[in-house]
Structures are given as structure tokens and as C-alpha cells.
N, C-alpha and C. Protein backbone atom coordinates (compact mmCIF):
# COMPACT_ATOMS: atom_id res chain seq x y z
N MET A 1 0.85 -1.20 0.00
CA MET A 1 0.00 0.00 0.00
C MET A 1 0.88 1.24 0.00
N THR A 2 0.35 2.32 -0.51
CA THR A 2 1.08 3.59 -0.53
C THR A 2 0.39 4.60 0.36
N ASP A 3 1.20 5.48 0.92
CA ASP A 3 0.64 6.53 1.77
C ASP A 3 0.22 7.76 0.96
N GLU A 4 0.48 7.74 -0.36
CA GLU A 4 0.14 8.90 -1.17
C GLU A 4 -1.35 8.99 -1.39
N ARG A 5 -1.87 10.19 -1.31
CA ARG A 5 -3.29 10.41 -1.52
C ARG A 5 -3.59 10.45 -3.02
N PRO A 6 -4.84 10.15 -3.43
CA PRO A 6 -5.19 10.16 -4.85
C PRO A 6 -4.84 11.48 -5.53
N GLU A 7 -5.05 12.62 -4.82
CA GLU A 7 -4.75 13.90 -5.45
C GLU A 7 -3.25 14.09 -5.65
N ASP A 8 -2.42 13.46 -4.78
CA ASP A 8 -0.98 13.54 -4.95
C ASP A 8 -0.54 12.72 -6.16
N LEU A 9 -1.14 11.54 -6.33
CA LEU A 9 -0.81 10.70 -7.46
C LEU A 9 -1.21 11.37 -8.77
N ALA A 10 -2.35 12.04 -8.77
CA ALA A 10 -2.82 12.74 -9.98
C ALA A 10 -1.85 13.84 -10.37
N ALA A 11 -1.27 14.49 -9.38
CA ALA A 11 -0.34 15.59 -9.66
C ALA A 11 0.94 15.08 -10.30
N LEU A 12 1.30 13.79 -10.02
CA LEU A 12 2.52 13.23 -10.56
C LEU A 12 2.36 12.75 -11.99
N ARG A 13 1.13 12.50 -12.40
CA ARG A 13 0.88 12.00 -13.74
C ARG A 13 1.11 13.10 -14.77
N LYS A 14 1.69 12.71 -15.91
CA LYS A 14 1.91 13.66 -16.99
C LYS A 14 0.58 13.97 -17.66
N PRO A 15 0.24 15.26 -17.83
CA PRO A 15 -1.04 15.58 -18.46
C PRO A 15 -1.05 15.14 -19.92
N ALA A 16 -2.23 14.79 -20.43
CA ALA A 16 -2.34 14.40 -21.83
C ALA A 16 -2.10 15.59 -22.74
N LYS A 17 -2.61 16.75 -22.33
CA LYS A 17 -2.45 17.97 -23.13
C LYS A 17 -2.10 19.13 -22.21
N ARG A 18 -1.33 20.08 -22.76
CA ARG A 18 -1.03 21.31 -22.05
C ARG A 18 -1.79 22.44 -22.74
N HIS A 19 -2.53 23.20 -21.97
CA HIS A 19 -3.34 24.27 -22.56
C HIS A 19 -2.87 25.66 -22.17
N ASP A 20 -1.80 25.74 -21.36
CA ASP A 20 -1.39 27.05 -20.85
C ASP A 20 -0.04 27.51 -21.40
N GLU A 21 0.47 26.83 -22.45
CA GLU A 21 1.75 27.23 -23.03
C GLU A 21 1.58 28.48 -23.90
N ARG A 22 2.55 29.39 -23.80
CA ARG A 22 2.54 30.62 -24.58
C ARG A 22 3.91 30.86 -25.18
N THR A 23 3.96 31.61 -26.27
CA THR A 23 5.23 31.95 -26.89
C THR A 23 5.95 32.99 -26.06
N VAL A 24 7.20 32.70 -25.73
CA VAL A 24 8.06 33.62 -25.00
C VAL A 24 9.34 33.80 -25.80
N ALA A 25 9.72 35.03 -26.08
CA ALA A 25 10.91 35.29 -26.88
C ALA A 25 12.14 34.63 -26.26
N GLY A 26 12.88 33.89 -27.09
CA GLY A 26 14.10 33.25 -26.63
C GLY A 26 13.91 31.95 -25.90
N ALA A 27 12.68 31.49 -25.79
CA ALA A 27 12.40 30.24 -25.06
C ALA A 27 11.68 29.26 -25.98
N HIS A 28 11.60 28.01 -25.55
CA HIS A 28 10.89 26.99 -26.32
C HIS A 28 9.68 26.53 -25.51
N ARG A 29 8.50 26.76 -26.05
CA ARG A 29 7.31 26.29 -25.34
C ARG A 29 7.28 24.76 -25.34
N ARG A 30 6.69 24.19 -24.33
CA ARG A 30 6.57 22.74 -24.25
C ARG A 30 5.51 22.24 -25.22
N MET A 31 5.63 21.00 -25.62
CA MET A 31 4.71 20.41 -26.57
C MET A 31 3.30 20.37 -26.00
N ARG A 32 2.31 20.76 -26.81
CA ARG A 32 0.92 20.76 -26.34
C ARG A 32 0.47 19.34 -26.00
N ARG A 33 0.79 18.36 -26.87
CA ARG A 33 0.42 16.98 -26.61
C ARG A 33 1.50 16.33 -25.74
N ALA A 34 1.38 16.56 -24.45
CA ALA A 34 2.38 16.04 -23.51
C ALA A 34 2.45 14.52 -23.55
N ASP A 35 1.34 13.87 -23.87
CA ASP A 35 1.32 12.41 -23.89
C ASP A 35 2.10 11.83 -25.08
N ARG A 36 2.45 12.66 -26.04
CA ARG A 36 3.21 12.19 -27.21
C ARG A 36 4.65 12.71 -27.21
N GLU A 37 4.99 13.50 -26.22
CA GLU A 37 6.31 14.12 -26.17
C GLU A 37 7.39 13.12 -25.80
N VAL A 38 8.55 13.22 -26.45
CA VAL A 38 9.70 12.38 -26.15
C VAL A 38 10.89 13.30 -25.87
N THR A 39 11.42 13.24 -24.67
CA THR A 39 12.57 14.06 -24.30
C THR A 39 13.79 13.22 -23.93
N ASP A 40 13.60 11.93 -23.73
CA ASP A 40 14.71 11.04 -23.37
C ASP A 40 15.64 10.86 -24.57
N ILE A 41 16.93 11.10 -24.36
CA ILE A 41 17.90 11.05 -25.45
C ILE A 41 17.91 9.68 -26.13
N GLU A 42 17.83 8.61 -25.37
CA GLU A 42 17.88 7.28 -25.96
C GLU A 42 16.69 7.04 -26.88
N GLN A 43 15.50 7.49 -26.48
CA GLN A 43 14.33 7.33 -27.34
C GLN A 43 14.45 8.21 -28.58
N ILE A 44 14.98 9.42 -28.43
CA ILE A 44 15.19 10.29 -29.59
C ILE A 44 16.19 9.63 -30.55
N ARG A 45 17.24 9.06 -29.99
CA ARG A 45 18.24 8.37 -30.81
C ARG A 45 17.60 7.22 -31.60
N GLN A 46 16.71 6.48 -30.96
CA GLN A 46 16.06 5.36 -31.62
C GLN A 46 15.19 5.84 -32.79
N ILE A 47 14.54 6.99 -32.62
CA ILE A 47 13.75 7.55 -33.73
C ILE A 47 14.68 7.95 -34.87
N ILE A 48 15.76 8.69 -34.55
CA ILE A 48 16.68 9.15 -35.58
C ILE A 48 17.29 7.98 -36.34
N ASP A 49 17.56 6.88 -35.65
CA ASP A 49 18.16 5.70 -36.29
C ASP A 49 17.30 5.18 -37.44
N HIS A 50 16.01 5.47 -37.43
CA HIS A 50 15.11 4.97 -38.46
C HIS A 50 14.76 6.04 -39.50
N CYS A 51 15.43 7.19 -39.45
CA CYS A 51 15.21 8.26 -40.43
C CYS A 51 16.39 8.31 -41.40
N ASP A 52 16.11 8.70 -42.65
CA ASP A 52 17.21 8.87 -43.59
C ASP A 52 17.23 10.25 -44.24
N VAL A 53 16.21 11.07 -43.98
CA VAL A 53 16.15 12.42 -44.53
C VAL A 53 15.80 13.39 -43.42
N VAL A 54 16.52 14.50 -43.36
CA VAL A 54 16.20 15.59 -42.45
C VAL A 54 15.85 16.81 -43.29
N HIS A 55 14.79 17.53 -42.90
CA HIS A 55 14.39 18.75 -43.58
C HIS A 55 14.94 19.94 -42.79
N VAL A 56 15.74 20.76 -43.46
CA VAL A 56 16.42 21.87 -42.81
C VAL A 56 15.87 23.19 -43.35
N SER A 57 15.43 24.04 -42.42
CA SER A 57 14.88 25.34 -42.79
C SER A 57 15.79 26.45 -42.29
N TYR A 58 15.96 27.49 -43.11
CA TYR A 58 16.78 28.62 -42.70
C TYR A 58 16.36 29.87 -43.47
N MET A 59 16.83 30.99 -43.00
CA MET A 59 16.54 32.28 -43.63
C MET A 59 17.85 32.86 -44.16
N ASP A 60 17.80 33.33 -45.42
CA ASP A 60 18.95 34.02 -45.98
C ASP A 60 18.48 35.29 -46.68
N ALA A 61 19.34 35.89 -47.44
CA ALA A 61 18.98 37.15 -48.10
C ALA A 61 17.84 36.98 -49.10
N GLU A 62 17.65 35.77 -49.60
CA GLU A 62 16.56 35.51 -50.55
C GLU A 62 15.23 35.26 -49.84
N GLY A 63 15.28 34.96 -48.56
CA GLY A 63 14.05 34.69 -47.82
C GLY A 63 14.12 33.35 -47.11
N LEU A 64 12.96 32.88 -46.67
CA LEU A 64 12.87 31.62 -45.95
C LEU A 64 12.84 30.45 -46.93
N THR A 65 13.58 29.38 -46.61
CA THR A 65 13.61 28.21 -47.48
C THR A 65 13.74 26.95 -46.64
N ILE A 66 13.53 25.81 -47.28
CA ILE A 66 13.68 24.52 -46.61
C ILE A 66 14.24 23.54 -47.63
N VAL A 67 15.11 22.63 -47.16
CA VAL A 67 15.74 21.69 -48.06
C VAL A 67 15.83 20.32 -47.39
N PRO A 68 15.51 19.24 -48.14
CA PRO A 68 15.67 17.89 -47.58
C PRO A 68 17.10 17.41 -47.80
N MET A 69 17.68 16.78 -46.78
CA MET A 69 19.06 16.33 -46.86
C MET A 69 19.21 14.94 -46.26
N ASN A 70 20.02 14.09 -46.92
CA ASN A 70 20.47 12.88 -46.26
C ASN A 70 21.49 13.28 -45.20
N PHE A 71 21.62 12.47 -44.16
CA PHE A 71 22.45 12.89 -43.04
C PHE A 71 23.03 11.70 -42.30
N GLY A 72 24.01 11.99 -41.46
CA GLY A 72 24.52 11.10 -40.44
C GLY A 72 24.50 11.87 -39.14
N TYR A 73 24.66 11.20 -38.03
CA TYR A 73 24.57 11.93 -36.77
C TYR A 73 25.38 11.26 -35.68
N GLU A 74 25.57 12.02 -34.60
CA GLU A 74 26.15 11.48 -33.38
C GLU A 74 25.74 12.39 -32.22
N TYR A 75 25.90 11.89 -31.02
CA TYR A 75 25.76 12.72 -29.82
C TYR A 75 27.15 12.95 -29.26
N THR A 76 27.51 14.21 -29.06
CA THR A 76 28.79 14.52 -28.44
C THR A 76 28.60 14.54 -26.92
N ASP A 77 29.70 14.56 -26.21
CA ASP A 77 29.64 14.39 -24.75
C ASP A 77 29.06 15.58 -24.00
N THR A 78 29.25 16.78 -24.53
CA THR A 78 28.87 17.96 -23.77
C THR A 78 28.04 18.92 -24.60
N ALA A 79 26.93 19.37 -24.05
CA ALA A 79 26.08 20.36 -24.69
C ALA A 79 26.71 21.74 -24.56
N PRO A 80 26.32 22.71 -25.42
CA PRO A 80 26.87 24.05 -25.35
C PRO A 80 26.70 24.70 -23.98
N ASP A 81 25.63 24.33 -23.27
CA ASP A 81 25.39 24.92 -21.95
C ASP A 81 26.08 24.12 -20.83
N GLY A 82 26.81 23.06 -21.23
CA GLY A 82 27.53 22.27 -20.24
C GLY A 82 26.71 21.17 -19.61
N ASN A 83 25.45 21.02 -20.05
CA ASN A 83 24.56 20.02 -19.46
C ASN A 83 24.17 18.98 -20.50
N GLY A 84 24.50 17.73 -20.23
CA GLY A 84 24.03 16.65 -21.09
C GLY A 84 24.78 16.54 -22.40
N ASP A 85 24.19 15.80 -23.36
CA ASP A 85 24.80 15.55 -24.65
C ASP A 85 24.21 16.46 -25.72
N THR A 86 24.96 16.61 -26.82
CA THR A 86 24.52 17.45 -27.92
C THR A 86 24.35 16.63 -29.18
N LEU A 87 23.22 16.77 -29.84
CA LEU A 87 22.97 16.12 -31.12
C LEU A 87 23.68 16.91 -32.22
N VAL A 88 24.47 16.22 -33.05
CA VAL A 88 25.14 16.85 -34.18
C VAL A 88 24.78 16.07 -35.44
N LEU A 89 24.26 16.76 -36.45
CA LEU A 89 23.90 16.17 -37.72
C LEU A 89 24.95 16.56 -38.76
N TYR A 90 25.36 15.62 -39.59
CA TYR A 90 26.33 15.90 -40.65
C TYR A 90 25.68 15.69 -42.02
N MET A 91 25.91 16.63 -42.93
CA MET A 91 25.44 16.56 -44.30
C MET A 91 26.58 16.88 -45.25
N HIS A 92 26.39 16.61 -46.54
CA HIS A 92 27.39 17.05 -47.51
C HIS A 92 26.69 17.64 -48.72
N SER A 93 27.37 18.57 -49.38
CA SER A 93 26.83 19.27 -50.54
C SER A 93 27.98 19.61 -51.48
N ALA A 94 27.62 20.16 -52.63
CA ALA A 94 28.64 20.71 -53.52
C ALA A 94 29.26 21.93 -52.82
N PRO A 95 30.52 22.22 -53.10
CA PRO A 95 31.20 23.33 -52.42
C PRO A 95 30.82 24.70 -52.96
N GLU A 96 29.57 24.87 -53.33
CA GLU A 96 29.04 26.16 -53.77
C GLU A 96 27.52 26.05 -53.76
N GLY A 97 26.85 27.20 -53.87
CA GLY A 97 25.40 27.18 -53.90
C GLY A 97 24.79 27.95 -52.75
N ARG A 98 23.46 27.90 -52.66
CA ARG A 98 22.72 28.72 -51.71
C ARG A 98 23.05 28.39 -50.26
N LYS A 99 23.11 27.10 -49.92
CA LYS A 99 23.41 26.73 -48.52
C LYS A 99 24.79 27.23 -48.12
N PHE A 100 25.75 27.01 -49.02
CA PHE A 100 27.13 27.46 -48.76
C PHE A 100 27.16 28.97 -48.54
N ASP A 101 26.49 29.71 -49.42
CA ASP A 101 26.48 31.18 -49.31
C ASP A 101 25.81 31.63 -48.02
N ALA A 102 24.71 30.97 -47.65
CA ALA A 102 23.97 31.37 -46.45
C ALA A 102 24.79 31.16 -45.19
N ILE A 103 25.47 30.03 -45.12
CA ILE A 103 26.28 29.74 -43.92
C ILE A 103 27.45 30.71 -43.83
N ARG A 104 28.12 30.96 -44.95
CA ARG A 104 29.24 31.90 -44.94
C ARG A 104 28.78 33.31 -44.59
N ALA A 105 27.63 33.71 -45.14
CA ALA A 105 27.11 35.05 -44.86
C ALA A 105 26.75 35.23 -43.39
N ALA A 106 26.44 34.13 -42.72
CA ALA A 106 26.10 34.18 -41.30
C ALA A 106 27.33 33.99 -40.41
N GLY A 107 28.51 34.14 -40.97
CA GLY A 107 29.72 33.98 -40.18
C GLY A 107 29.97 32.56 -39.75
N ASN A 108 29.56 31.62 -40.60
CA ASN A 108 29.70 30.18 -40.32
C ASN A 108 28.93 29.76 -39.06
N ALA A 109 27.80 30.43 -38.83
CA ALA A 109 26.94 30.11 -37.68
C ALA A 109 25.51 30.48 -38.06
N LEU A 110 24.89 29.68 -38.93
CA LEU A 110 23.56 29.98 -39.46
C LEU A 110 22.48 29.32 -38.61
N PRO A 111 21.56 30.10 -38.03
CA PRO A 111 20.46 29.50 -37.27
C PRO A 111 19.54 28.71 -38.20
N VAL A 112 19.19 27.50 -37.79
CA VAL A 112 18.34 26.64 -38.59
C VAL A 112 17.30 25.95 -37.70
N ALA A 113 16.28 25.42 -38.36
CA ALA A 113 15.34 24.51 -37.72
C ALA A 113 15.37 23.22 -38.55
N PHE A 114 15.10 22.09 -37.91
CA PHE A 114 15.14 20.83 -38.64
C PHE A 114 14.04 19.89 -38.18
N GLU A 115 13.67 18.96 -39.07
CA GLU A 115 12.63 17.97 -38.77
C GLU A 115 12.93 16.70 -39.52
N MET A 116 12.65 15.55 -38.88
CA MET A 116 12.74 14.25 -39.53
C MET A 116 11.63 13.36 -38.98
N ASP A 117 11.17 12.41 -39.78
CA ASP A 117 10.10 11.54 -39.30
C ASP A 117 10.21 10.16 -39.92
N THR A 118 9.56 9.20 -39.29
CA THR A 118 9.61 7.82 -39.73
C THR A 118 8.36 7.08 -39.26
N ASP A 119 8.21 5.83 -39.70
CA ASP A 119 7.10 4.95 -39.27
C ASP A 119 5.74 5.61 -39.45
N ARG A 120 5.56 6.23 -40.60
CA ARG A 120 4.27 6.88 -40.88
C ARG A 120 3.26 5.84 -41.36
N GLU A 121 2.06 5.93 -40.82
CA GLU A 121 1.00 4.98 -41.17
C GLU A 121 -0.36 5.65 -40.97
N ILE A 122 -1.21 5.53 -41.99
CA ILE A 122 -2.54 6.15 -41.93
C ILE A 122 -3.38 5.49 -40.84
N ILE A 123 -4.11 6.32 -40.10
CA ILE A 123 -5.06 5.86 -39.09
C ILE A 123 -6.46 6.15 -39.61
N GLU A 124 -7.23 5.12 -39.85
CA GLU A 124 -8.58 5.29 -40.35
C GLU A 124 -9.51 5.72 -39.22
N GLY A 125 -10.41 6.65 -39.52
CA GLY A 125 -11.38 7.11 -38.54
C GLY A 125 -12.79 6.69 -38.89
N ARG A 126 -13.68 6.81 -37.93
CA ARG A 126 -15.08 6.45 -38.19
C ARG A 126 -15.72 7.44 -39.14
N ALA A 127 -15.26 8.70 -39.10
CA ALA A 127 -15.72 9.73 -40.02
C ALA A 127 -14.49 10.31 -40.72
N TRP A 128 -14.71 10.94 -41.89
CA TRP A 128 -13.58 11.44 -42.66
C TRP A 128 -12.73 12.42 -41.84
N CYS A 129 -13.36 13.23 -41.00
CA CYS A 129 -12.60 14.22 -40.23
C CYS A 129 -11.85 13.60 -39.05
N ASN A 130 -12.02 12.29 -38.83
CA ASN A 130 -11.33 11.61 -37.74
C ASN A 130 -10.10 10.82 -38.21
N TRP A 131 -9.82 10.88 -39.52
CA TRP A 131 -8.64 10.18 -40.01
C TRP A 131 -7.39 10.91 -39.54
N GLY A 132 -6.30 10.18 -39.44
CA GLY A 132 -5.04 10.79 -39.02
C GLY A 132 -3.87 9.97 -39.49
N GLU A 133 -2.73 10.18 -38.87
CA GLU A 133 -1.54 9.44 -39.25
C GLU A 133 -0.67 9.17 -38.03
N ALA A 134 -0.25 7.93 -37.88
CA ALA A 134 0.71 7.58 -36.84
C ALA A 134 2.10 7.93 -37.35
N PHE A 135 2.99 8.31 -36.46
CA PHE A 135 4.35 8.68 -36.88
C PHE A 135 5.25 8.77 -35.66
N LYS A 136 6.54 8.81 -35.93
CA LYS A 136 7.56 9.16 -34.94
C LYS A 136 8.40 10.26 -35.56
N SER A 137 8.69 11.33 -34.82
CA SER A 137 9.41 12.45 -35.41
C SER A 137 10.34 13.11 -34.39
N VAL A 138 11.29 13.87 -34.93
CA VAL A 138 12.18 14.70 -34.12
C VAL A 138 12.22 16.08 -34.76
N VAL A 139 12.04 17.10 -33.94
CA VAL A 139 12.07 18.49 -34.40
C VAL A 139 13.04 19.26 -33.52
N GLY A 140 13.80 20.17 -34.11
CA GLY A 140 14.74 20.91 -33.29
C GLY A 140 15.25 22.18 -33.94
N ASN A 141 16.09 22.86 -33.21
CA ASN A 141 16.77 24.06 -33.67
C ASN A 141 18.27 23.88 -33.47
N GLY A 142 19.05 24.62 -34.22
CA GLY A 142 20.48 24.52 -34.06
C GLY A 142 21.23 25.53 -34.90
N THR A 143 22.52 25.33 -35.00
CA THR A 143 23.39 26.22 -35.76
C THR A 143 24.13 25.42 -36.81
N ALA A 144 24.03 25.85 -38.06
CA ALA A 144 24.72 25.18 -39.16
C ALA A 144 26.07 25.83 -39.40
N SER A 145 27.08 25.00 -39.61
CA SER A 145 28.42 25.52 -39.88
C SER A 145 29.14 24.60 -40.86
N ILE A 146 30.04 25.15 -41.64
CA ILE A 146 30.83 24.38 -42.59
C ILE A 146 32.01 23.76 -41.85
N VAL A 147 32.26 22.49 -42.11
CA VAL A 147 33.37 21.78 -41.48
C VAL A 147 34.61 21.94 -42.36
N ASP A 148 35.65 22.54 -41.84
CA ASP A 148 36.88 22.73 -42.60
C ASP A 148 37.96 21.70 -42.25
N ASP A 149 37.94 21.19 -41.04
CA ASP A 149 38.94 20.21 -40.61
C ASP A 149 38.75 18.90 -41.38
N VAL A 150 39.81 18.43 -42.04
CA VAL A 150 39.70 17.25 -42.90
C VAL A 150 39.33 16.01 -42.11
N ASP A 151 39.89 15.82 -40.93
CA ASP A 151 39.57 14.64 -40.13
C ASP A 151 38.10 14.63 -39.72
N GLU A 152 37.57 15.79 -39.37
CA GLU A 152 36.15 15.86 -39.01
C GLU A 152 35.28 15.65 -40.24
N LYS A 153 35.72 16.15 -41.40
CA LYS A 153 34.97 15.91 -42.63
C LYS A 153 34.86 14.42 -42.92
N ILE A 154 35.97 13.71 -42.79
CA ILE A 154 35.96 12.26 -43.01
C ILE A 154 35.03 11.58 -42.00
N HIS A 155 35.11 12.01 -40.74
CA HIS A 155 34.25 11.45 -39.70
C HIS A 155 32.78 11.68 -40.04
N GLY A 156 32.44 12.89 -40.47
CA GLY A 156 31.06 13.20 -40.83
C GLY A 156 30.57 12.38 -42.01
N LEU A 157 31.42 12.20 -43.02
CA LEU A 157 31.05 11.39 -44.18
C LEU A 157 30.85 9.93 -43.80
N GLN A 158 31.67 9.43 -42.88
CA GLN A 158 31.51 8.05 -42.42
C GLN A 158 30.20 7.87 -41.66
N LEU A 159 29.84 8.86 -40.84
CA LEU A 159 28.56 8.80 -40.14
C LEU A 159 27.40 8.82 -41.13
N LEU A 160 27.54 9.63 -42.18
CA LEU A 160 26.49 9.71 -43.19
C LEU A 160 26.33 8.37 -43.91
N MET A 161 27.44 7.75 -44.29
CA MET A 161 27.36 6.46 -44.97
C MET A 161 26.80 5.38 -44.04
N GLY A 162 27.12 5.48 -42.76
CA GLY A 162 26.57 4.53 -41.81
C GLY A 162 25.07 4.67 -41.67
N GLN A 163 24.59 5.90 -41.57
CA GLN A 163 23.16 6.15 -41.42
C GLN A 163 22.39 5.72 -42.67
N GLN A 164 22.95 6.01 -43.84
CA GLN A 164 22.23 5.77 -45.09
C GLN A 164 22.40 4.36 -45.64
N MET A 165 23.59 3.78 -45.45
CA MET A 165 23.90 2.50 -46.10
C MET A 165 24.29 1.40 -45.13
N GLY A 166 24.43 1.74 -43.83
CA GLY A 166 24.86 0.74 -42.87
C GLY A 166 26.32 0.39 -42.98
N LYS A 167 27.11 1.23 -43.67
CA LYS A 167 28.54 1.01 -43.83
C LYS A 167 29.25 2.07 -42.99
N TRP A 168 29.82 1.67 -41.86
CA TRP A 168 30.30 2.63 -40.86
C TRP A 168 31.78 2.97 -40.97
N ASP A 169 32.54 2.22 -41.74
CA ASP A 169 33.99 2.45 -41.78
C ASP A 169 34.50 2.65 -43.20
N VAL A 170 33.78 3.43 -43.99
CA VAL A 170 34.22 3.70 -45.36
C VAL A 170 35.54 4.48 -45.31
N PRO A 171 36.57 4.02 -45.99
CA PRO A 171 37.89 4.66 -45.90
C PRO A 171 38.03 5.87 -46.82
N PHE A 172 37.35 6.96 -46.52
CA PHE A 172 37.47 8.17 -47.32
C PHE A 172 38.90 8.71 -47.22
N THR A 173 39.41 9.19 -48.34
CA THR A 173 40.73 9.80 -48.34
C THR A 173 40.59 11.31 -48.12
N PRO A 174 41.66 11.98 -47.68
CA PRO A 174 41.59 13.44 -47.54
C PRO A 174 41.23 14.12 -48.86
N GLN A 175 41.69 13.58 -49.97
CA GLN A 175 41.37 14.17 -51.27
C GLN A 175 39.87 14.07 -51.55
N GLN A 176 39.28 12.92 -51.25
CA GLN A 176 37.84 12.76 -51.46
C GLN A 176 37.05 13.70 -50.55
N ALA A 177 37.46 13.79 -49.29
CA ALA A 177 36.76 14.67 -48.36
C ALA A 177 36.87 16.13 -48.77
N SER A 178 37.99 16.49 -49.37
CA SER A 178 38.21 17.89 -49.77
C SER A 178 37.40 18.27 -51.00
N SER A 179 36.87 17.27 -51.72
CA SER A 179 36.15 17.56 -52.96
C SER A 179 34.68 17.93 -52.72
N VAL A 180 34.20 17.77 -51.49
CA VAL A 180 32.81 18.10 -51.18
C VAL A 180 32.76 19.04 -49.98
N MET A 181 31.64 19.74 -49.85
CA MET A 181 31.43 20.55 -48.66
C MET A 181 30.72 19.68 -47.61
N VAL A 182 31.33 19.52 -46.49
CA VAL A 182 30.69 18.85 -45.35
C VAL A 182 30.27 19.92 -44.36
N TRP A 183 29.03 19.88 -43.96
CA TRP A 183 28.54 20.85 -42.98
C TRP A 183 27.74 20.13 -41.91
N LYS A 184 27.58 20.79 -40.80
CA LYS A 184 26.92 20.14 -39.68
C LYS A 184 25.93 21.09 -39.02
N ILE A 185 24.99 20.49 -38.32
CA ILE A 185 24.06 21.24 -37.48
C ILE A 185 24.32 20.80 -36.04
N THR A 186 24.71 21.74 -35.21
CA THR A 186 24.85 21.48 -33.79
C THR A 186 23.55 21.90 -33.12
N ALA A 187 22.80 20.94 -32.64
CA ALA A 187 21.47 21.22 -32.11
C ALA A 187 21.55 21.97 -30.78
N THR A 188 20.69 22.96 -30.63
CA THR A 188 20.55 23.66 -29.36
C THR A 188 19.28 23.24 -28.64
N HIS A 189 18.38 22.58 -29.38
CA HIS A 189 17.11 22.13 -28.80
C HIS A 189 16.54 21.04 -29.70
N ALA A 190 16.07 19.96 -29.13
CA ALA A 190 15.47 18.89 -29.92
C ALA A 190 14.49 18.10 -29.06
N THR A 191 13.34 17.80 -29.62
CA THR A 191 12.36 16.96 -28.94
C THR A 191 11.80 15.94 -29.94
N GLY A 192 11.36 14.82 -29.42
CA GLY A 192 10.74 13.81 -30.24
C GLY A 192 9.24 13.78 -29.99
N LYS A 193 8.54 13.12 -30.89
CA LYS A 193 7.09 12.96 -30.74
C LYS A 193 6.70 11.61 -31.32
N ILE A 194 5.88 10.89 -30.59
CA ILE A 194 5.36 9.61 -31.06
C ILE A 194 3.84 9.63 -31.03
N HIS A 195 3.25 9.48 -32.20
CA HIS A 195 1.80 9.33 -32.30
C HIS A 195 1.55 7.90 -32.76
N ALA A 196 1.23 7.04 -31.83
CA ALA A 196 1.04 5.62 -32.13
C ALA A 196 -0.42 5.33 -32.44
N LYS A 197 -0.63 4.28 -33.23
CA LYS A 197 -1.99 3.81 -33.44
C LYS A 197 -2.51 3.28 -32.12
N ALA A 198 -3.81 3.27 -31.95
CA ALA A 198 -4.42 2.91 -30.67
C ALA A 198 -3.93 1.58 -30.14
N ARG A 199 -3.79 0.59 -31.00
CA ARG A 199 -3.36 -0.74 -30.55
C ARG A 199 -1.89 -0.76 -30.18
N GLN A 200 -1.15 0.32 -30.58
CA GLN A 200 0.28 0.38 -30.29
C GLN A 200 0.58 1.30 -29.12
N ALA A 201 -0.43 2.02 -28.63
CA ALA A 201 -0.19 3.06 -27.66
C ALA A 201 0.53 2.54 -26.41
N ALA A 202 0.19 1.32 -25.99
CA ALA A 202 0.79 0.78 -24.78
C ALA A 202 2.26 0.42 -24.99
N HIS A 203 2.67 0.35 -26.28
CA HIS A 203 4.05 -0.04 -26.58
C HIS A 203 4.75 1.03 -27.40
N ALA A 204 4.38 2.29 -27.21
CA ALA A 204 4.90 3.37 -28.04
C ALA A 204 6.40 3.50 -27.96
N SER A 205 6.97 3.15 -26.80
CA SER A 205 8.41 3.31 -26.65
C SER A 205 9.17 2.02 -26.91
N ALA A 206 8.47 0.94 -27.27
CA ALA A 206 9.13 -0.33 -27.51
C ALA A 206 9.67 -0.37 -28.93
N MET A 207 10.88 0.16 -29.13
CA MET A 207 11.49 0.23 -30.44
C MET A 207 12.77 -0.60 -30.45
N PRO A 208 13.26 -0.99 -31.62
CA PRO A 208 14.49 -1.80 -31.68
C PRO A 208 15.66 -1.07 -31.03
N GLU A 209 16.66 -1.83 -30.61
CA GLU A 209 17.85 -1.24 -29.99
C GLU A 209 18.54 -0.32 -30.99
N SER A 210 19.03 0.82 -30.51
CA SER A 210 19.76 1.74 -31.37
C SER A 210 21.20 1.26 -31.50
N ARG A 211 21.88 1.83 -32.48
CA ARG A 211 23.29 1.46 -32.66
C ARG A 211 24.14 2.03 -31.54
């Protein structure tokens, strides 16, 4: 038996929805659907492991844009604020073009937003307006920068090949790495979301082991 009163237990439960969140400059509001929110790094990692495309949005002199990119990723040991781990995404592009110009124009520190998703499946409803879609996703913000160090470029390309092809030790040469632009997003904020089908709701976090 527990000595906790019913009202105390209710206070400990995570609410299904948050209705009092507001936009505050410089802050990140919490997810409205608290019951679908994923903040645990291991669960976020498991979602990312099943994604192969990240959508990156940024603003430059031409305006707001978004681009889909194949990627590789890792978690580094220390976050910019000194707390916890930091998600770092690696991409590659031609060594010229809009992304290259935007990052350089921002002093090699371009603010971006990113999104990736996986396990999408239509949910049929009793009425047309009740249809929906199950999914797992990760959304975040960060800073994009061009990687100039050759060793880090090779590391980023190896992570990308591992994520996309399952080949983790591709022996890229410095010459090969120098022929492409490797850039990365250092995340400053990231959250996951799982919308499971009703029959899966009890097992929403039961996903395969991550690498």
C-alpha cells in the first residue's frame, strides 16, 4: 500500500495535453500533446536511427527556405550549456550554392530549424474528419556551420554512410573529403514525438535497440 493520496498521485501524472503554453521570446514552449512528447535522449536516438532524410529550414537574403538532406549523426559528450549531450547532424553538398552562401554570410553560424520523421501509417477514422496518421518524429533548432577540418569531414562522411547504407567504416581519403562541402548542425534544442496507433499506444516506446 502507498501513503500517497489520490490527489498527490494525480499531480505526478503527466497531463495528456497542455493548454497554458505561450510563446516567450528566446524560449521553447513545451509540446501541447504532452502524452506524445519524447525528451529522453535514448528514445530520440532510436527515432533518428530509423530516419534517412532531415528537412532543414533557414533564412537568408533571398528569404525563408527549406531543403531535404540525407544525413549522419552522433551525440557529443557535452552540450553548449555544459549540461548533457549534444545532437550533431552531418550533411554534404557541392562546395558552392545557396546553402554554402547562407552559412558563410552568417559567419559560419547559421540559425536553422530541422525535422525528420519515420514509421508513418494512416489511421482510419469512423468519419472522414477523424482520419489521421501515426508517426515518430524529431524536431529541433540549431546552428549550421561548414566543417573545414579534414579529419572531421571524413568522420562526418563516415557517419552519413553509416546512417544511409549501414557502412560505418568507409575509408574516405583526404582528397575525397576535400572535394565536397561537409557541414553540420549542432542542435541547441530537440524533442521527439510519437503518435502511435491505438493498438500500439501501450508499446509506443518499444522500439528496436539503437546502434
